[in-house]
Protein backbone atom coordinates (compact mmCIF):
# COMPACT_ATOMS: atom_id res chain seq x y z
CA MET A 1 0.00 0.00 0.00
CA LYS A 2 1.32 3.48 -0.82
CA ASN A 3 2.26 5.87 1.98
CA MET A 4 -0.76 7.58 3.46
CA ASN A 5 -1.06 11.19 4.51
CA VAL A 6 -4.07 11.03 6.85
CA GLY A 7 -5.20 14.53 5.99
CA TYR A 8 -5.36 13.60 2.30
CA TRP A 9 -8.04 10.99 2.84
CA TRP A 10 -10.47 13.62 4.04
CA ILE A 11 -10.71 15.02 0.54
CA LEU A 12 -10.03 11.84 -1.40
CA LEU A 13 -13.39 10.15 -1.42
CA ALA A 14 -16.64 10.97 0.33
CA ALA A 15 -18.57 7.81 -0.56
CA PRO A 16 -19.99 6.14 2.60
CA LEU A 17 -18.69 2.75 3.65
CA SER A 18 -21.41 0.41 4.94
CA LEU A 19 -20.80 -2.19 7.61
CA MET A 20 -22.34 -5.53 6.73
CA ALA A 21 -24.69 -7.18 9.19
CA ASN A 22 -21.96 -9.60 10.18
CA PRO A 23 -18.66 -7.63 10.20
CA ALA A 24 -16.64 -10.75 10.99
CA SER A 25 -17.96 -12.59 7.94
CA ALA A 26 -15.95 -13.29 4.81
CA GLN A 27 -17.59 -10.31 3.07
CA GLY A 28 -16.70 -7.91 5.88
CA LEU A 29 -16.88 -4.30 4.67
CA SER A 30 -18.43 -3.06 1.44
CA ASP A 31 -18.65 0.20 -0.50
CA GLY A 32 -21.45 -1.20 -2.65
CA ARG A 33 -19.17 -2.37 -5.45
CA GLY A 34 -16.60 -4.42 -3.60
CA ASN A 35 -15.81 -6.09 -0.30
CA VAL A 36 -12.81 -6.28 1.99
CA THR A 37 -12.34 -8.36 5.13
CA GLN A 38 -11.25 -7.02 8.47
CA GLU A 39 -8.05 -9.05 8.16
CA GLN A 40 -7.22 -7.38 4.85
CA VAL A 41 -7.86 -3.92 6.31
CA ARG A 42 -5.76 -4.76 9.36
CA ALA A 43 -2.89 -5.82 7.09
CA GLU A 44 -3.08 -2.48 5.26
CA LEU A 45 -3.13 -0.61 8.57
CA MET A 46 -0.05 -2.44 9.79
CA ALA A 47 1.84 -1.11 6.77
CA LEU A 48 1.29 2.44 8.07
CA PRO A 49 3.54 4.17 10.64
CA GLU A 50 2.45 3.50 14.21
CA GLY A 51 1.87 7.19 14.84
CA THR A 52 -0.52 7.37 11.89
CA ARG A 53 -2.46 4.25 12.91
CA SER A 54 -2.94 5.32 16.50
CA LYS A 55 -4.26 8.77 15.57
CA MET A 56 -6.75 7.72 12.89
CA THR A 57 -10.38 8.64 13.50
CA ARG A 58 -13.33 6.52 12.41
CA GLU A 59 -13.99 8.88 9.50
CA GLN A 60 -10.37 8.73 8.34
CA MET A 61 -10.41 4.94 8.47
CA ASN A 62 -13.67 4.89 6.47
CA LEU A 63 -12.05 7.03 3.78
CA MET A 64 -8.90 4.90 3.80
CA ILE A 65 -10.93 1.73 3.19
CA ASN A 66 -12.96 3.44 0.47
CA SER A 67 -9.72 4.38 -1.27
CA MET A 68 -8.36 0.86 -0.79
CA LEU A 69 -11.39 -0.59 -2.62
CA LEU A 70 -11.19 2.09 -5.32
CA ASP A 71 -7.49 1.35 -5.86
CA ARG A 72 -8.23 -2.36 -6.16
CA ARG A 73 -10.73 -1.76 -8.95
CA LEU A 74 -8.32 0.62 -10.70
CA ALA A 75 -5.52 -1.95 -10.41
CA GLU A 76 -7.72 -4.65 -11.93
CA ALA A 77 -8.64 -2.29 -14.77
CA ALA A 78 -4.96 -1.52 -15.33
CA LYS A 79 -4.13 -5.24 -15.50
CA ALA A 80 -6.97 -5.80 -17.94
CA ALA A 81 -5.56 -3.00 -20.08
CA GLY A 82 -2.19 -4.76 -20.17
CA MET A 83 -0.33 -2.19 -18.07
CA ALA A 84 1.34 -4.85 -15.93
CA ASP A 85 2.95 -6.35 -19.06
CA GLN A 86 4.66 -3.12 -20.12
CA PRO A 87 8.43 -3.39 -19.45
CA GLU A 88 8.67 0.05 -17.85
CA VAL A 89 5.74 -0.61 -15.50
CA ARG A 90 7.01 -4.08 -14.66
CA ALA A 91 10.46 -2.66 -13.83
CA ARG A 92 8.93 -0.03 -11.55
CA ILE A 93 6.88 -2.67 -9.74
CA GLU A 94 9.96 -4.83 -9.28
CA ARG A 95 11.96 -1.88 -7.98
CA VAL A 96 9.30 -0.88 -5.43
CA THR A 97 8.99 -4.50 -4.30
CA ARG A 98 12.75 -4.81 -3.99
CA ASP A 99 13.02 -1.56 -2.03
CA ILE A 100 10.32 -2.62 0.43
CA LEU A 101 11.87 -6.04 0.96
CA VAL A 102 15.38 -4.64 1.45
CA ARG A 103 14.23 -1.92 3.84
CA SER A 104 12.11 -4.34 5.87
CA TYR A 105 14.91 -6.90 6.03
CA LEU A 106 17.52 -4.35 7.12
CA ASP A 107 15.16 -2.77 9.67
CA ALA A 108 14.46 -6.18 11.19
CA GLU A 109 18.16 -7.06 11.36
CA MET A 110 19.09 -3.71 12.90
CA ALA A 111 16.28 -4.06 15.46
CA LYS A 112 17.81 -7.40 16.50
CA ALA A 113 21.26 -5.81 16.63
CA ALA A 114 19.97 -2.95 18.77
CA LYS A 115 18.72 -5.39 21.39
CA SER A 116 22.17 -6.92 21.68
CA LEU A 117 24.05 -3.65 22.27
CA PRO A 118 25.96 -3.46 25.55
CA ASP A 119 25.46 -0.85 28.26
CA LEU A 120 27.25 2.21 26.87
CA THR A 121 26.98 4.46 29.94
CA ALA A 122 30.68 4.21 30.78
CA VAL A 123 31.66 5.01 27.18
CA ALA A 124 29.23 7.95 27.19
CA LYS A 125 30.84 9.32 30.37
CA GLU A 126 34.28 9.03 28.77
CA ARG A 127 33.07 10.93 25.71
CA TYR A 128 31.54 13.60 27.92
CA MET A 129 34.75 14.10 29.92
CA ALA A 130 36.87 14.19 26.77
CA ASN A 131 34.67 16.85 25.14
CA LEU A 132 33.52 19.05 28.02
CA SER A 133 33.64 22.22 25.90
CA THR A 134 31.09 20.67 23.55
CA TYR A 135 28.54 20.32 26.32
CA VAL A 136 28.11 23.94 27.34
CA LEU A 137 24.83 25.79 27.51
CA PRO A 138 25.74 29.11 25.86
CA GLU A 139 24.90 32.56 27.11
CA ALA A 140 21.47 33.62 25.89
CA ILE A 141 18.87 36.32 26.35
CA ARG A 142 15.15 36.87 26.09
CA VAL A 143 14.32 40.22 24.55
CA ALA A 144 11.48 42.40 23.39
CA HIS A 145 11.76 45.27 20.96
CA ILE A 146 9.84 48.01 19.25
CA LEU A 147 10.76 48.52 15.61
CA ILE A 148 10.12 51.69 13.65
CA ALA A 149 10.91 50.58 10.12
CA VAL A 150 12.94 52.42 7.47
CA ASN A 151 12.24 51.50 3.86
CA GLU A 152 12.73 54.38 1.48
CA ASP A 153 11.37 52.32 -1.41
CA GLU A 154 8.05 52.33 0.44
CA GLY A 155 8.35 55.99 1.46
CA LYS A 156 9.47 55.25 5.04
CA LEU A 157 12.29 57.78 5.39
CA ASP A 158 15.11 57.58 7.94
CA ALA A 159 14.44 61.00 9.45
CA ASP A 160 10.74 60.29 9.91
CA ALA A 161 11.42 56.87 11.46
CA LYS A 162 14.01 58.31 13.83
CA ALA A 163 11.66 61.08 14.92
CA LYS A 164 8.88 58.57 15.62
CA ALA A 165 11.24 56.19 17.45
CA THR A 166 12.57 59.09 19.55
CA GLN A 167 9.02 59.97 20.58
CA VAL A 168 8.29 56.33 21.53
CA LEU A 169 11.50 56.17 23.58
CA LYS A 170 10.54 59.41 25.35
CA GLN A 171 7.20 57.85 26.33
CA LEU A 172 9.01 54.82 27.73
CA ARG A 173 11.39 56.98 29.74
CA GLU A 174 8.37 58.75 31.18
CA GLY A 175 6.93 55.45 32.42
CA ALA A 176 4.80 54.10 29.54
CA ASP A 177 4.29 50.34 29.42
CA PHE A 178 6.72 48.73 26.97
CA ALA A 179 4.42 45.88 25.94
CA GLU A 180 1.48 48.19 25.28
CA LEU A 181 3.59 50.59 23.23
CA ALA A 182 5.00 47.66 21.24
CA LYS A 183 1.48 46.51 20.39
CA GLU A 184 0.53 50.02 19.32
CA GLN A 185 3.69 51.28 17.61
CA SER A 186 6.02 48.43 16.59
CA GLU A 187 6.30 47.59 12.91
CA ASP A 188 7.69 44.12 13.53
CA PHE A 189 4.44 42.30 12.96
CA GLY A 190 5.85 38.99 14.18
CA SER A 191 6.47 40.26 17.71
CA LYS A 192 4.17 43.24 18.25
CA ARG A 193 1.15 41.11 19.22
CA LEU A 194 3.34 39.60 21.97
CA GLY A 195 4.19 43.01 23.34
CA GLY A 196 7.37 43.08 21.29
CA GLU A 197 8.74 39.83 22.73
CA ILE A 198 10.92 37.70 20.48
CA ARG A 199 9.97 34.20 21.56
CA GLY A 200 12.44 31.87 23.23
CA TRP A 201 16.06 32.16 24.22
CA SER A 202 18.36 33.82 21.70
CA GLU A 203 22.06 32.98 21.59
CA LYS A 204 24.74 35.13 20.03
CA GLY A 205 24.66 35.00 16.27
CA LYS A 206 20.88 35.15 15.93
CA PHE A 207 20.55 38.92 15.54
CA VAL A 208 22.21 41.45 13.26
CA PRO A 209 25.42 42.80 14.90
CA ALA A 210 24.17 46.20 16.08
CA PHE A 211 21.03 44.72 17.65
CA GLU A 212 22.97 41.86 19.26
CA GLU A 213 25.65 44.13 20.73
CA ALA A 214 23.08 46.44 22.29
CA ALA A 215 20.83 43.63 23.57
CA PHE A 216 23.61 41.64 25.26
CA ALA A 217 24.93 44.82 26.93
CA LEU A 218 21.65 45.43 28.76
CA LYS A 219 20.69 44.31 32.24
CA PRO A 220 17.36 42.51 32.84
CA GLY A 221 14.53 45.05 32.77
CA GLU A 222 16.68 47.72 31.12
CA VAL A 223 15.60 49.52 27.94
CA SER A 224 18.14 50.56 25.30
CA GLU A 225 18.64 53.80 23.44
CA LEU A 226 17.71 53.82 19.75
CA VAL A 227 19.55 51.11 17.82
CA ARG A 228 19.85 51.51 14.05
CA THR A 229 19.97 48.39 11.84
CA ARG A 230 19.14 47.82 8.20
CA PHE A 231 15.53 47.27 9.27
CA GLY A 232 15.12 50.62 10.97
CA TYR A 233 15.21 51.90 14.55
CA HIS A 234 14.86 49.49 17.45
CA ILE A 235 14.15 50.08 21.11
CA ILE A 236 15.21 46.94 22.96
CA LYS A 237 14.18 45.67 26.38
CA LEU A 238 16.10 42.83 28.02
CA LEU A 239 13.60 40.50 29.68
CA GLU A 240 15.96 37.84 31.02
CA LYS A 241 19.58 36.77 30.73
CA ARG A 242 21.04 33.27 31.01
CA GLU A 243 24.72 32.95 31.75
CA ALA A 244 26.76 30.27 30.00
CA ARG A 245 27.28 27.13 32.08
CA GLN A 246 28.68 23.64 31.84
CA LEU A 247 25.99 21.01 31.32
CA SER A 248 26.16 18.06 33.68
CA PHE A 249 26.57 14.52 32.40
CA ASP A 250 23.01 13.66 33.43
CA GLU A 251 21.71 16.52 31.27
CA VAL A 252 23.43 15.23 28.14
CA LYS A 253 23.60 11.51 28.88
CA GLU A 254 20.67 10.45 26.66
CA PRO A 255 21.75 12.27 23.47
CA ILE A 256 25.31 10.98 23.91
CA LEU A 257 24.01 7.43 24.36
CA ALA A 258 21.77 7.81 21.31
CA GLY A 259 24.75 8.95 19.25
CA LEU A 260 26.87 6.02 20.44
CA ARG A 261 24.10 3.54 19.64
CA ASN A 262 23.71 5.00 16.17
CA GLU A 263 27.46 4.76 15.58
CA MET A 264 27.55 1.11 16.67
CA LEU A 265 24.49 0.23 14.62
CA GLY A 266 26.00 1.98 11.61
CA LYS A 267 29.10 -0.22 11.92
CA LYS A 268 26.96 -3.34 12.36
CA ARG A 269 24.96 -2.39 9.28
CA LYS A 270 28.12 -2.06 7.19
CA GLU A 271 29.38 -5.41 8.48
CA PHE A 272 26.03 -7.03 7.70
CA LEU A 273 26.00 -5.64 4.13
CA LYS A 274 29.50 -6.93 3.41
CA ALA A 275 28.12 -10.47 3.17
CA PHE A 276 26.00 -9.35 0.19
CA GLU A 277 28.54 -7.20 -1.64
CA GLY A 278 30.04 -8.26 -4.95
CA THR A 279 33.61 -9.50 -5.23
CA LYS A 280 34.66 -7.02 -7.93
CA PRO A 281 33.52 -3.57 -9.13
CA ILE A 282 31.32 -3.03 -12.17
CA VAL A 283 33.25 -1.34 -14.99
CA LEU A 284 31.32 -0.09 -18.02
CA ASP A 285 33.16 0.17 -21.32
CA ASP A 286 32.23 2.96 -23.75
CA ALA A 287 30.02 0.78 -25.94
CA THR A 288 28.03 -0.58 -23.00
CA PHE A 289 27.64 2.84 -21.45
CA GLU A 290 26.43 4.29 -24.75
CA ALA A 291 23.96 1.45 -25.23
CA LEU A 292 22.52 1.93 -21.72
CA THR A 293 22.12 5.71 -22.09
CA LYS A 294 20.39 5.64 -25.46
CA PRO A 295 16.74 6.74 -25.29
C-alpha cells in the first residue's frame, strides 16, 4: 500500500462505507461495489507508521478503506488493459517490491542488533569528559523590541522613522508600558502582538550585529537607546539573561548514548552488508555505457 497522509483521505473520497450485518464474515466491509475483510484492512493498517495508525479517526479509516477498494478496482482495470505487461511498469513494480523487501529486512536485522548492544553508559561518560567544551549551555537572552521601520522604497524615510522612534523612547522613559507601546507602535508584525517579545532564548549570532551588541549589553529590565539596523530603529528591552554554564553529564547523557548507539548500529549495518557485496567492481566500457544511455 502506498504511503498515506491522513489529511489527504479527508478530501479523497466521500462515498460512505457500509458495515455488513456480520462484520466478521468473509464479506466484511463493502462500499457497494466491492468487499474487503477485516483481516485485509488490518494488514493495510499495519503497513502504516504506528503514529498514523494510532491517531486515525473513524472517518479517516472509512475514507482509507474506500480508497483501498477504489485502488483495487483501478488496479484490476490496469491489469486488464495490459499495463502490468509493459516493461517500464514491470520494472517499476519490481523496484518498489525490492526496495520494500530490502528496507524491511535491514530494519528487522538492525532491530535485533539494537537489542544486543551493551550498556554504553561508561563510554558515554568518557566521551563527555573528553569533550567538556562541547557540552556547554551558551549565554542567551530573552528580549522584546519596538521597531520603527525604514524602507525608502516604500516611502518610510530615515528621518521620519528616527523622529517617531525618539518619541516612543521618550514615552518609555516617562513610564509608559513597553508591551502596550509595542502593540501600538512596533512595525515588527511577528512580535508586536506579543508586546514586542521575540519568543524563546536567543544565543549570540541570531541577531544582526548592532542589535545583538546592544541587547547583550543590557541588564534585565533595562531599555536601550535607539539602535539603528538595516531594518530601521529598534528600542530593545532585556527580559531575562542566562549565563553560560557547563551542562552536567546527566543533562546530556541520553543524546550521547543515542549517538553512540547510532554509531555502533552503523558499523553493524556495514558489516552485515559486506556479506551481500560483490567481489569485484562493475566497470562499463564505452560501448556498454552508450547502449545503456540511449533513449
